[in-house]
Amino acid sequence: MRNIEKQVKEVLHNLDWLLESHDSSIELVKIDGMKVTISCEGACADCETNCVEVAFKERIPDIELVFQ
């Protein structure tokens, strides 16, 4: 597994508890170089705080995160 893919999957795994507690889910759509596309559903999809983006930027600051 490529390093970026491994890092993305780790971030997703670490967010599971938070998203589940808010009746939300997140799914990896694709990775294209440093562009990571994810799909977020539930209450967290429209959250202004956007802890999902914060978590990704803290762990993998060089990625371009795209919400689908």
Protein backbone atom coordinates (compact mmCIF):
# COMPACT_ATOMS: atom_id res chain seq x y z
CA MET A 1 0.00 0.00 0.00
CA ARG A 2 1.33 3.41 -0.90
CA ASN A 3 2.24 5.72 1.96
CA ILE A 4 -0.47 8.33 1.18
CA GLU A 5 -3.13 5.63 0.96
CA LYS A 6 -2.03 4.20 4.29
CA GLN A 7 -2.13 7.64 5.92
CA VAL A 8 -5.60 8.39 4.51
CA LYS A 9 -6.97 5.09 5.77
CA GLU A 10 -5.49 5.76 9.23
CA VAL A 11 -7.18 9.17 9.40
CA LEU A 12 -10.50 7.64 8.30
CA HIS A 13 -10.18 4.90 10.91
CA ASN A 14 -9.40 7.44 13.64
CA LEU A 15 -12.46 9.52 12.70
CA ASP A 16 -14.91 6.59 12.90
CA TRP A 17 -15.76 7.03 16.60
CA LEU A 18 -16.46 10.73 16.20
CA LEU A 19 -18.59 10.37 13.10
CA GLU A 20 -20.55 7.43 14.48
CA SER A 21 -21.40 9.43 17.60
CA HIS A 22 -22.97 12.05 15.29
CA ASP A 23 -24.82 9.51 13.12
CA SER A 24 -22.45 10.24 10.25
CA SER A 25 -20.09 8.30 8.04
CA ILE A 26 -17.18 8.97 5.73
CA GLU A 27 -15.99 7.04 2.70
CA LEU A 28 -12.87 7.24 0.59
CA VAL A 29 -13.86 7.79 -3.03
CA LYS A 30 -10.42 7.97 -4.66
CA ILE A 31 -6.84 9.04 -4.32
CA ASP A 32 -5.17 10.69 -7.29
CA GLY A 33 -1.65 11.70 -6.35
CA MET A 34 -2.08 14.14 -3.45
CA LYS A 35 -5.76 14.76 -4.26
CA VAL A 36 -8.02 12.81 -1.91
CA THR A 37 -11.74 12.65 -2.60
CA ILE A 38 -14.07 11.64 0.23
CA SER A 39 -17.80 11.43 0.74
CA CYS A 40 -19.28 12.41 4.10
CA GLU A 41 -22.89 11.64 5.00
CA GLY A 42 -25.07 12.51 7.94
CA ALA A 43 -24.96 15.49 10.29
CA CYS A 44 -21.21 15.96 9.81
CA ALA A 45 -21.59 16.54 6.08
CA ASP A 46 -22.92 20.07 6.63
CA CYS A 47 -20.98 20.91 9.80
CA GLU A 48 -19.30 24.32 9.76
CA THR A 49 -16.55 23.18 12.16
CA ASN A 50 -15.45 20.52 9.66
CA CYS A 51 -13.37 18.39 12.02
CA VAL A 52 -12.88 15.96 9.12
CA GLU A 53 -10.87 18.52 7.17
CA VAL A 54 -8.96 19.55 10.30
CA ALA A 55 -8.03 15.92 11.03
CA PHE A 56 -6.75 15.38 7.50
CA LYS A 57 -4.78 18.63 7.39
CA GLU A 58 -3.14 17.90 10.77
CA ARG A 59 -2.05 14.43 9.70
CA ILE A 60 -1.40 14.97 5.96
CA PRO A 61 -0.95 18.75 5.43
CA ASP A 62 0.10 18.48 1.76
CA ILE A 63 -3.07 16.83 0.47
CA GLU A 64 -5.84 18.48 -1.46
CA LEU A 65 -9.04 17.28 0.21
CA VAL A 66 -12.16 17.20 -1.98
CA PHE A 67 -15.63 16.54 -0.58
CA GLN A 68 -18.04 14.82 -2.90
